[in-house]
């Protein structure tokens, strides 16, 4: 009888472990012998089956990463198409507006607005939520495409083109979304896919824009751009998850945000004007000095502020600094691969170095390298996740160096040019992916877009300088 009473007391004592023991086949079973456990057991069972997904801080583990990546790739294809399509239309626009300088400004204004707005837009995405900022930028760019499509005067086309340039911040924002939505091991591969989408947009921008210019009016080029931007906006709205942002209530220091925009815009403008006026022109020197003064003033003010809007200290992190140095050298040379090969292919054969190809043929020769580069981004991401980011960077650098080294032997056949372009483009895509992954993995999650935007700004400024250097060398 004493044994029975002990067993009975163990069964009915609500605080004992035996009452809370879970069945190996599922939640605990409710019987008439343990009614005291009924409220606790039903609550646990309901919460386990119907509760919201677990979160880590303000970041939710997403169950549809493929759709998120697809939407971001569509956005990147559209934004790269925006940047490249104008090059196919330049001869037509020069003839229509009667001034090569005016047509050149349609390229320059896009570059200036993209470089100037990238930092602020990316940081606002970090603080206020990246999806909101992405939708806003895409809507502004779509409106700009409509203005350029319906405008007949040059100033309307120029204003619309400036509004399109604001999409320069989409790549930093997209990488920030990838880091929020994907698991850490999948982030390098996701970044590689976005870089691959950029290669697709670059190739399609020249081919599709050339076909539109050859068969339709030039306004249809901007109409196609508007349709793609609206489609991208709908993709972001439907599939990209919303986030609250790192600090949505943080007061915005607009002086700290606008000073670098003005300085970077002035520097890029001076570099662009130097192509026609030269570096000795007083106006070019004045604009350059103003831009440098604004950047220096912003740097001093930024370093003295405990919590600045855009952290300059972030650039001095070792991995971020290494990625920026690599991007500078790539911007000075590797990114201008067609600036080197196009004159080589299109120069007359009597120059000995030229191959006498048409512009269409030189564009088709670049197509195989664009197709091959589709695998370079995911490969670099896989190598980074499997081994290390520096491994992907070293492999990409070796491939690029091999391509440029063989170029010094002066190729004289189309097959040789195709092979060299494949090597250089493949290595360049791996390097770009490696730099983006290195920065994304080295900064806090809430500063991802800001750090990637700084990398894009540095690349843009030195690409402008690199094009000038190569033009002087080739002349």
Protein backbone atom coordinates (compact mmCIF):
# COMPACT_ATOMS: atom_id res chain seq x y z
CA UNK A 1 0.00 0.00 0.00
CA UNK A 2 2.87 2.35 0.71
CA UNK A 3 4.37 1.70 -2.74
CA UNK A 4 1.05 2.52 -4.38
CA UNK A 5 0.76 5.83 -2.50
CA UNK A 6 4.25 6.90 -3.59
CA UNK A 7 3.53 6.12 -7.22
CA UNK A 8 0.19 7.90 -6.95
CA UNK A 9 1.80 11.02 -5.44
CA UNK A 10 4.48 11.13 -8.14
CA UNK A 11 1.81 10.99 -10.80
CA UNK A 12 -0.37 13.74 -9.36
CA UNK A 13 2.30 16.14 -8.16
CA UNK A 14 2.13 18.95 -10.80
CA UNK A 15 5.71 20.10 -10.34
CA UNK A 16 7.27 16.69 -10.96
CA UNK A 17 9.21 16.02 -14.19
CA UNK A 18 7.13 12.94 -15.01
CA UNK A 19 4.08 15.11 -15.65
CA UNK A 20 5.91 17.19 -18.27
CA UNK A 21 7.64 14.32 -20.05
CA UNK A 22 7.04 14.46 -23.82
CA UNK A 23 6.05 11.44 -25.86
CA UNK A 24 8.62 10.45 -28.48
CA UNK A 25 5.82 10.42 -31.09
CA UNK A 26 4.70 14.01 -30.56
CA UNK A 27 3.29 16.31 -27.87
CA UNK A 28 2.45 14.92 -24.40
CA UNK A 29 -0.69 12.84 -24.16
CA UNK A 30 -3.54 14.13 -22.01
CA UNK A 31 -5.18 11.47 -19.86
CA UNK A 32 -7.41 11.40 -16.82
CA UNK A 33 -4.36 10.84 -14.63
CA UNK A 34 -2.66 14.18 -15.30
CA UNK A 35 -5.36 16.86 -15.58
CA UNK A 36 -3.15 19.38 -13.77
CA UNK A 37 -0.89 19.50 -16.83
CA UNK A 38 -3.75 20.30 -19.24
CA UNK A 39 -3.34 24.14 -19.55
CA UNK A 40 0.44 23.95 -19.90
CA UNK A 41 0.36 21.13 -22.49
CA UNK A 42 -2.28 22.64 -24.77
CA UNK A 43 -0.52 26.01 -24.83
CA UNK A 44 2.79 24.43 -25.80
CA UNK A 45 1.20 22.28 -28.48
CA UNK A 46 -0.63 25.24 -30.06
CA UNK A 47 2.45 27.51 -29.95
CA UNK A 48 4.70 24.90 -31.55
CA UNK A 49 2.32 24.40 -34.47
CA UNK A 50 0.92 27.86 -35.17
CA UNK A 51 3.42 30.39 -33.84
CA UNK A 52 5.17 32.92 -36.10
CA UNK A 53 8.60 32.00 -37.52
CA UNK A 54 11.56 32.45 -35.26
CA UNK A 55 13.49 35.65 -35.52
CA UNK A 56 17.01 36.66 -34.72
CA UNK A 57 16.62 40.25 -33.52
CA UNK A 58 14.71 42.02 -36.30
CA UNK A 59 15.79 39.59 -39.06
CA UNK A 60 13.43 36.75 -40.00
CA UNK A 61 14.69 33.52 -41.56
CA UNK A 62 12.96 33.45 -44.95
CA UNK A 63 11.41 30.34 -46.47
CA UNK A 64 11.50 31.58 -50.08
CA UNK A 65 15.10 32.57 -50.81
CA UNK A 66 14.83 31.53 -54.48
CA UNK A 67 12.06 34.07 -55.15
CA UNK A 68 13.95 36.78 -53.29
CA UNK A 69 17.10 36.13 -55.32
CA UNK A 70 15.11 36.04 -58.55
CA UNK A 71 13.57 39.44 -57.80
CA UNK A 72 16.96 40.95 -56.94
CA UNK A 73 18.49 39.52 -60.13
CA UNK A 74 15.69 41.08 -62.19
CA UNK A 75 16.41 44.42 -60.53
CA UNK A 76 20.15 44.16 -61.23
CA UNK A 77 19.58 43.23 -64.88
CA UNK A 78 17.32 46.27 -65.24
CA UNK A 79 19.73 48.67 -63.56
CA UNK A 80 22.70 47.49 -65.64
CA UNK A 81 20.56 47.71 -68.77
CA UNK A 82 19.82 51.32 -67.78
CA UNK A 83 23.51 52.13 -67.64
CA UNK A 84 24.59 50.34 -70.83
CA UNK A 85 21.72 51.04 -73.22
CA UNK A 86 22.78 54.63 -73.85
CA UNK A 87 26.08 53.58 -75.43
CA UNK A 88 24.28 51.88 -78.32
CA UNK A 89 22.22 55.03 -78.90
CA UNK A 90 25.05 57.56 -78.75
CA UNK A 91 25.64 57.88 -82.53
CA UNK A 92 21.90 58.39 -83.13
CA UNK A 93 21.58 60.90 -80.29
CA UNK A 94 24.62 62.83 -81.54
CA UNK A 95 22.96 63.16 -84.94
CA UNK A 96 19.57 64.14 -83.49
CA UNK A 97 20.79 66.77 -81.03
CA UNK A 98 23.56 67.95 -83.33
CA UNK A 99 26.25 68.07 -80.65
CA UNK A 100 28.44 65.20 -79.42
CA UNK A 101 28.90 66.97 -76.08
CA UNK A 102 25.16 66.93 -75.42
CA UNK A 103 24.94 63.23 -76.12
CA UNK A 104 27.94 62.67 -73.87
CA UNK A 105 26.16 64.41 -71.02
CA UNK A 106 23.48 61.72 -71.11
CA UNK A 107 26.20 59.30 -70.02
CA UNK A 108 27.90 61.69 -67.60
CA UNK A 109 24.77 62.75 -65.71
CA UNK A 110 23.80 59.12 -65.07
CA UNK A 111 27.28 58.43 -63.69
CA UNK A 112 27.31 61.54 -61.48
CA UNK A 113 23.87 61.00 -59.95
CA UNK A 114 24.59 57.31 -59.34
CA UNK A 115 27.88 58.01 -57.58
CA UNK A 116 26.49 60.92 -55.57
CA UNK A 117 23.31 59.25 -54.34
CA UNK A 118 24.62 55.74 -53.66
CA UNK A 119 25.99 56.42 -50.17
CA UNK A 120 22.96 58.28 -48.80
CA UNK A 121 20.38 55.95 -50.39
CA UNK A 122 22.19 52.84 -49.16
CA UNK A 123 22.50 54.22 -45.64
CA UNK A 124 18.83 55.19 -45.58
CA UNK A 125 18.04 51.62 -46.54
CA UNK A 126 20.11 50.33 -43.62
CA UNK A 127 18.31 52.63 -41.19
CA UNK A 128 14.75 52.85 -42.51
CA UNK A 129 14.31 49.53 -44.32
CA UNK A 130 15.80 48.46 -47.64
CA UNK A 131 12.55 47.47 -49.36
CA UNK A 132 11.04 50.94 -48.88
CA UNK A 133 14.11 52.63 -50.34
CA UNK A 134 14.31 50.20 -53.26
CA UNK A 135 10.68 50.81 -54.20
CA UNK A 136 11.19 54.56 -54.00
CA UNK A 137 14.31 54.52 -56.18
CA UNK A 138 12.70 52.29 -58.80
CA UNK A 139 9.62 54.53 -58.94
CA UNK A 140 11.77 57.64 -59.44
CA UNK A 141 13.84 55.94 -62.14
CA UNK A 142 10.69 54.73 -63.95
CA UNK A 143 9.32 58.27 -63.94
CA UNK A 144 12.63 59.49 -65.34
CA UNK A 145 12.44 56.95 -68.18
CA UNK A 146 8.94 58.14 -69.03
CA UNK A 147 10.12 61.77 -69.10
CA UNK A 148 12.99 60.86 -71.44
CA UNK A 149 10.66 58.84 -73.66
CA UNK A 150 8.06 61.57 -74.13
CA UNK A 151 10.49 64.51 -74.10
CA UNK A 152 11.45 66.16 -77.35
CA UNK A 153 13.83 68.80 -75.97
CA UNK A 154 17.32 67.87 -74.84
CA UNK A 155 16.82 69.21 -71.33
CA UNK A 156 13.85 66.88 -70.76
CA UNK A 157 15.87 63.86 -71.85
CA UNK A 158 18.73 65.01 -69.61
CA UNK A 159 16.46 65.41 -66.56
CA UNK A 160 14.96 62.00 -67.14
CA UNK A 161 18.40 60.47 -67.53
CA UNK A 162 19.49 62.05 -64.24
CA UNK A 163 16.48 60.51 -62.48
CA UNK A 164 17.41 57.12 -63.91
CA UNK A 165 20.89 57.43 -62.41
CA UNK A 166 19.49 57.11 -58.91
CA UNK A 167 19.37 53.31 -59.35
CA UNK A 168 23.13 53.28 -58.67
CA UNK A 169 22.28 52.36 -55.07
CA UNK A 170 20.34 49.20 -55.99
CA UNK A 171 23.33 46.84 -55.87
CA UNK A 172 24.30 47.80 -52.27
CA UNK A 173 20.67 47.55 -51.18
CA UNK A 174 20.26 44.19 -52.90
CA UNK A 175 23.32 42.71 -51.21
CA UNK A 176 21.97 43.94 -47.87
CA UNK A 177 18.70 42.12 -48.56
CA UNK A 178 20.61 38.96 -49.46
CA UNK A 179 22.48 39.08 -46.18
CA UNK A 180 19.23 39.53 -44.24
CA UNK A 181 17.21 36.86 -46.03
CA UNK A 182 19.71 34.05 -46.61
CA UNK A 183 21.65 31.91 -44.23
CA UNK A 184 25.26 32.92 -43.71
CA UNK A 185 26.64 30.01 -45.77
CA UNK A 186 24.42 30.91 -48.73
CA UNK A 187 25.22 34.64 -48.83
CA UNK A 188 28.38 34.36 -51.01
CA UNK A 189 26.49 32.34 -53.60
CA UNK A 190 23.63 34.84 -53.56
CA UNK A 191 26.04 37.73 -54.12
CA UNK A 192 27.61 35.78 -56.98
CA UNK A 193 24.21 35.36 -58.64
CA UNK A 194 23.53 39.09 -58.40
CA UNK A 195 26.89 39.89 -59.99
CA UNK A 196 26.06 37.39 -62.74
CA UNK A 197 22.78 39.21 -63.31
CA UNK A 198 24.82 42.37 -63.75
CA UNK A 199 26.76 40.68 -66.57
CA UNK A 200 23.47 39.67 -68.21
CA UNK A 201 22.22 43.24 -68.05
CA UNK A 202 25.45 44.56 -69.52
CA UNK A 203 25.29 42.22 -72.50
CA UNK A 204 21.56 42.67 -73.11
CA UNK A 205 21.85 46.43 -72.78
CA UNK A 206 24.06 46.69 -75.84
CA UNK A 207 22.29 44.04 -77.93
CA UNK A 208 18.66 44.95 -77.20
CA UNK A 209 19.34 48.69 -77.36
CA UNK A 210 21.11 48.25 -80.70
CA UNK A 211 18.11 46.36 -82.11
CA UNK A 212 15.70 49.06 -80.88
CA UNK A 213 17.80 51.86 -82.38
CA UNK A 214 18.07 50.03 -85.72
CA UNK A 215 14.34 49.31 -86.13
CA UNK A 216 12.44 51.84 -83.98
CA UNK A 217 12.65 55.47 -82.87
CA UNK A 218 15.14 56.28 -80.12
CA UNK A 219 12.30 57.14 -77.70
CA UNK A 220 11.37 53.46 -77.58
CA UNK A 221 14.67 52.80 -75.84
CA UNK A 222 13.52 54.75 -72.79
CA UNK A 223 10.03 53.26 -73.07
CA UNK A 224 11.53 49.76 -72.83
CA UNK A 225 13.55 50.94 -69.85
CA UNK A 226 10.38 52.22 -68.14
CA UNK A 227 8.63 48.87 -68.64
CA UNK A 228 11.58 46.98 -67.17
CA UNK A 229 11.72 49.32 -64.17
CA UNK A 230 8.00 48.89 -63.46
CA UNK A 231 8.39 45.11 -63.71
CA UNK A 232 11.33 45.27 -61.28
CA UNK A 233 9.30 47.40 -58.90
CA UNK A 234 6.50 44.83 -58.89
CA UNK A 235 9.02 42.02 -58.30
CA UNK A 236 10.49 43.82 -55.29
CA UNK A 237 7.04 44.63 -53.91
CA UNK A 238 5.87 41.01 -54.26
CA UNK A 239 8.89 38.97 -53.20
CA UNK A 240 11.44 41.05 -51.26
CA UNK A 241 10.70 40.90 -47.52
CA UNK A 242 10.14 44.12 -45.64
CA UNK A 243 12.46 44.99 -42.77
CA UNK A 244 12.13 47.53 -40.01
CA UNK A 245 15.66 48.84 -40.44
CA UNK A 246 18.51 49.18 -37.99
CA UNK A 247 17.24 52.39 -36.35
CA UNK A 248 14.12 53.87 -37.98
CA UNK A 249 13.83 56.51 -35.25
CA UNK A 250 17.38 57.80 -35.60
CA UNK A 251 17.45 61.54 -36.43
CA UNK A 252 19.04 62.22 -39.83
CA UNK A 253 22.10 64.47 -39.92
CA UNK A 254 21.55 65.87 -43.40
CA UNK A 255 24.76 67.87 -43.35
CA UNK A 256 26.76 64.68 -42.84
CA UNK A 257 24.72 63.02 -45.59
CA UNK A 258 24.82 65.76 -48.21
CA UNK A 259 28.45 66.89 -47.88
CA UNK A 260 29.90 63.70 -49.42
CA UNK A 261 27.23 63.79 -52.14
CA UNK A 262 28.25 67.30 -53.18
CA UNK A 263 31.96 66.51 -52.96
CA UNK A 264 31.77 63.25 -54.93
CA UNK A 265 29.53 64.86 -57.55
CA UNK A 266 32.01 67.71 -58.04
CA UNK A 267 34.98 65.32 -58.35
CA UNK A 268 33.24 63.09 -60.90
CA UNK A 269 32.05 66.16 -62.82
CA UNK A 270 35.59 67.56 -62.97
CA UNK A 271 36.97 64.24 -64.24
CA UNK A 272 34.24 64.09 -66.89
CA UNK A 273 34.84 67.67 -68.04
CA UNK A 274 38.58 67.07 -68.28
CA UNK A 275 38.02 64.79 -71.28
CA UNK A 276 37.09 67.73 -73.49
CA UNK A 277 38.60 70.74 -71.69
CA UNK A 278 41.77 69.17 -70.35
CA UNK A 279 43.21 69.23 -66.84
CA UNK A 280 44.68 72.68 -67.27
CA UNK A 281 41.28 74.33 -67.73
CA UNK A 282 40.54 76.76 -64.83
CA UNK A 283 36.92 75.61 -64.55
CA UNK A 284 37.94 71.96 -64.24
CA UNK A 285 40.52 72.79 -61.57
CA UNK A 286 38.05 74.94 -59.64
CA UNK A 287 35.38 72.23 -59.62
CA UNK A 288 37.95 69.60 -58.61
CA UNK A 289 39.29 71.77 -55.78
CA UNK A 290 35.75 72.43 -54.54
CA UNK A 291 34.95 68.73 -54.51
CA UNK A 292 38.14 67.83 -52.66
CA UNK A 293 37.51 70.59 -50.11
CA UNK A 294 33.98 69.34 -49.45
CA UNK A 295 35.19 65.76 -49.01
CA UNK A 296 37.95 66.84 -46.60
CA UNK A 297 35.48 68.96 -44.62
CA UNK A 298 33.09 66.02 -44.42
CA UNK A 299 35.89 63.66 -43.32
CA UNK A 300 36.96 65.94 -40.46
CA UNK A 301 33.39 66.44 -39.31
CA UNK A 302 32.59 62.74 -39.65
CA UNK A 303 35.55 61.54 -37.60
CA UNK A 304 34.66 63.96 -34.78
CA UNK A 305 31.04 62.78 -34.58
CA UNK A 306 30.39 59.80 -32.26
CA UNK A 307 27.54 58.37 -34.36
CA UNK A 308 27.65 59.82 -37.89
CA UNK A 309 25.06 59.06 -40.54
CA UNK A 310 27.72 57.63 -42.88
CA UNK A 311 30.62 56.13 -40.96
CA UNK A 312 33.99 56.95 -42.50
CA UNK A 313 35.66 54.70 -39.93
CA UNK A 314 34.07 51.76 -41.70
CA UNK A 315 36.42 52.29 -44.65
CA UNK A 316 39.47 51.80 -42.43
CA UNK A 317 38.49 48.26 -41.44
CA UNK A 318 41.19 45.96 -42.82
CA UNK A 319 39.05 43.82 -45.10
CA UNK A 320 37.04 46.80 -46.34
CA UNK A 321 40.25 48.71 -47.07
CA UNK A 322 41.72 45.72 -48.93
CA UNK A 323 38.57 45.38 -51.05
CA UNK A 324 38.67 49.10 -51.89
CA UNK A 325 42.34 48.92 -52.92
CA UNK A 326 41.60 45.96 -55.20
CA UNK A 327 38.63 47.84 -56.68
CA UNK A 328 40.82 50.89 -57.34
CA UNK A 329 43.33 48.88 -59.37
CA UNK A 330 40.55 47.10 -61.24
CA UNK A 331 38.85 50.42 -62.01
CA UNK A 332 42.08 51.85 -63.37
CA UNK A 333 42.53 49.04 -65.86
CA UNK A 334 40.55 45.79 -65.88
CA UNK A 335 37.08 47.34 -66.09
CA UNK A 336 38.07 49.07 -69.34
CA UNK A 337 38.66 45.86 -71.23
CA UNK A 338 36.58 46.97 -74.24
CA UNK A 339 38.26 50.36 -74.27
CA UNK A 340 41.46 48.47 -75.06
CA UNK A 341 40.11 45.74 -77.33
CA UNK A 342 37.58 47.77 -79.36
CA UNK A 343 40.23 49.98 -81.05
CA UNK A 344 42.39 46.88 -81.60
CA UNK A 345 39.58 45.03 -83.37
CA UNK A 346 38.20 47.98 -85.36
CA UNK A 347 41.48 49.59 -86.46
CA UNK A 348 42.31 49.11 -90.18
CA UNK A 349 44.60 46.25 -91.10
CA UNK A 350 47.14 48.62 -92.66
CA UNK A 351 48.00 49.81 -89.13
CA UNK A 352 49.50 46.30 -88.57
CA UNK A 353 48.03 46.21 -85.01
CA UNK A 354 44.40 46.50 -86.22
CA UNK A 355 42.13 43.66 -87.33
CA UNK A 356 39.71 45.65 -89.53
CA UNK A 357 36.46 44.44 -87.89
CA UNK A 358 33.15 46.26 -87.93
CA UNK A 359 31.50 47.57 -84.77
CA UNK A 360 28.85 44.84 -84.95
CA UNK A 361 31.46 42.10 -85.26
CA UNK A 362 33.45 43.46 -82.31
CA UNK A 363 30.29 43.40 -80.20
CA UNK A 364 29.55 39.80 -81.17
CA UNK A 365 33.10 38.78 -80.29
CA UNK A 366 32.50 40.07 -76.75
CA UNK A 367 29.33 37.95 -76.40
CA UNK A 368 31.04 34.58 -75.58
CA UNK A 369 32.90 36.17 -72.68
CA UNK A 370 29.63 37.56 -71.32
CA UNK A 371 28.03 34.12 -71.51
CA UNK A 372 31.01 32.44 -69.83
CA UNK A 373 31.00 35.06 -67.06
CA UNK A 374 27.56 33.84 -66.01
CA UNK A 375 29.32 31.01 -64.18
CA UNK A 376 32.09 33.13 -62.65
CA UNK A 377 29.97 34.83 -60.00
CA UNK A 378 28.39 31.67 -58.55
CA UNK A 379 31.78 29.91 -58.75
CA UNK A 380 33.45 32.68 -56.76
CA UNK A 381 30.64 32.54 -54.20
CA UNK A 382 30.97 28.77 -53.86
CA UNK A 383 34.75 29.02 -53.43
CA UNK A 384 34.30 31.72 -50.78
CA UNK A 385 31.79 29.65 -48.79
CA UNK A 386 33.80 26.43 -49.19
CA UNK A 387 37.29 27.83 -48.55
CA UNK A 388 37.80 31.58 -48.01
CA UNK A 389 37.14 34.93 -49.67
CA UNK A 390 40.82 35.48 -50.38
CA UNK A 391 40.94 32.16 -52.25
CA UNK A 392 38.28 33.39 -54.68
CA UNK A 393 40.10 36.72 -55.05
CA UNK A 394 43.47 35.06 -55.69
CA UNK A 395 42.06 32.67 -58.30
CA UNK A 396 40.20 35.47 -60.07
CA UNK A 397 43.29 37.69 -60.03
CA UNK A 398 45.48 34.92 -61.48
CA UNK A 399 43.01 34.31 -64.31
CA UNK A 400 42.82 38.03 -65.10
CA UNK A 401 46.59 38.47 -65.00
CA UNK A 402 47.00 35.51 -67.36
CA UNK A 403 44.55 37.09 -69.80
CA UNK A 404 46.24 40.48 -69.79
CA UNK A 405 49.69 38.89 -70.00
CA UNK A 406 48.73 36.98 -73.13
CA UNK A 407 47.21 40.16 -74.57
CA UNK A 408 50.70 41.69 -74.57
CA UNK A 409 51.60 39.17 -77.29
CA UNK A 410 49.23 41.07 -79.64
CA UNK A 411 46.56 38.59 -80.84
CA UNK A 412 45.98 38.63 -84.60
CA UNK A 413 42.95 36.35 -85.03
CA UNK A 414 39.35 36.53 -83.87
CA UNK A 415 39.64 33.21 -81.99
CA UNK A 416 42.56 34.51 -79.97
CA UNK A 417 40.64 37.67 -79.08
CA UNK A 418 37.61 35.63 -77.97
CA UNK A 419 39.77 33.45 -75.73
CA UNK A 420 41.53 36.44 -74.17
CA UNK A 421 38.25 38.24 -73.53
CA UNK A 422 36.87 35.10 -71.89
CA UNK A 423 39.87 34.88 -69.56
CA UNK A 424 39.83 38.56 -68.61
CA UNK A 425 36.06 38.80 -68.14
CA UNK A 426 35.90 35.57 -66.14
CA UNK A 427 38.67 36.71 -63.80
CA UNK A 428 37.16 40.19 -63.48
CA UNK A 429 33.75 38.80 -62.47
CA UNK A 430 35.36 36.55 -59.87
CA UNK A 431 37.32 39.50 -58.47
CA UNK A 432 34.24 41.70 -58.28
CA UNK A 433 32.25 38.98 -56.53
CA UNK A 434 35.11 38.33 -54.13
CA UNK A 435 35.39 42.01 -53.18
CA UNK A 436 31.65 42.30 -52.54
CA UNK A 437 31.59 39.13 -50.43
CA UNK A 438 34.67 40.24 -48.50
CA UNK A 439 33.06 43.55 -47.57
CA UNK A 440 29.66 42.02 -46.79
CA UNK A 441 31.18 39.49 -44.40
CA UNK A 442 33.39 42.02 -42.60
CA UNK A 443 30.92 44.70 -41.52
CA UNK A 444 27.92 44.64 -39.16
CA UNK A 445 24.69 43.51 -40.76
CA UNK A 446 23.09 46.94 -40.28
CA UNK A 447 25.93 48.61 -42.24
CA UNK A 448 26.09 46.22 -45.22
CA UNK A 449 24.54 48.51 -47.83
CA UNK A 450 26.57 51.49 -46.63
CA UNK A 451 29.87 49.60 -46.98
CA UNK A 452 28.99 48.18 -50.41
CA UNK A 453 27.97 51.67 -51.56
CA UNK A 454 31.35 53.08 -50.54
CA UNK A 455 32.97 50.37 -52.66
CA UNK A 456 30.79 51.35 -55.62
CA UNK A 457 31.61 55.05 -55.23
CA UNK A 458 35.35 54.39 -55.12
CA UNK A 459 35.05 52.18 -58.20
CA UNK A 460 33.09 54.84 -60.11
CA UNK A 461 35.55 57.63 -59.41
CA UNK A 462 38.61 55.63 -60.38
CA UNK A 463 36.92 54.22 -63.46
CA UNK A 464 36.59 57.79 -64.69
CA UNK A 465 40.30 58.35 -63.98
CA UNK A 466 41.23 55.02 -65.58
CA UNK A 467 39.44 55.82 -68.82
CA UNK A 468 41.46 59.02 -69.09
CA UNK A 469 44.73 57.19 -68.46
CA UNK A 470 43.99 54.53 -71.07
CA UNK A 471 42.95 57.15 -73.61
CA UNK A 472 46.27 58.95 -73.12
CA UNK A 473 48.25 55.68 -73.44
CA UNK A 474 46.44 54.61 -76.61
CA UNK A 475 46.88 58.03 -78.20
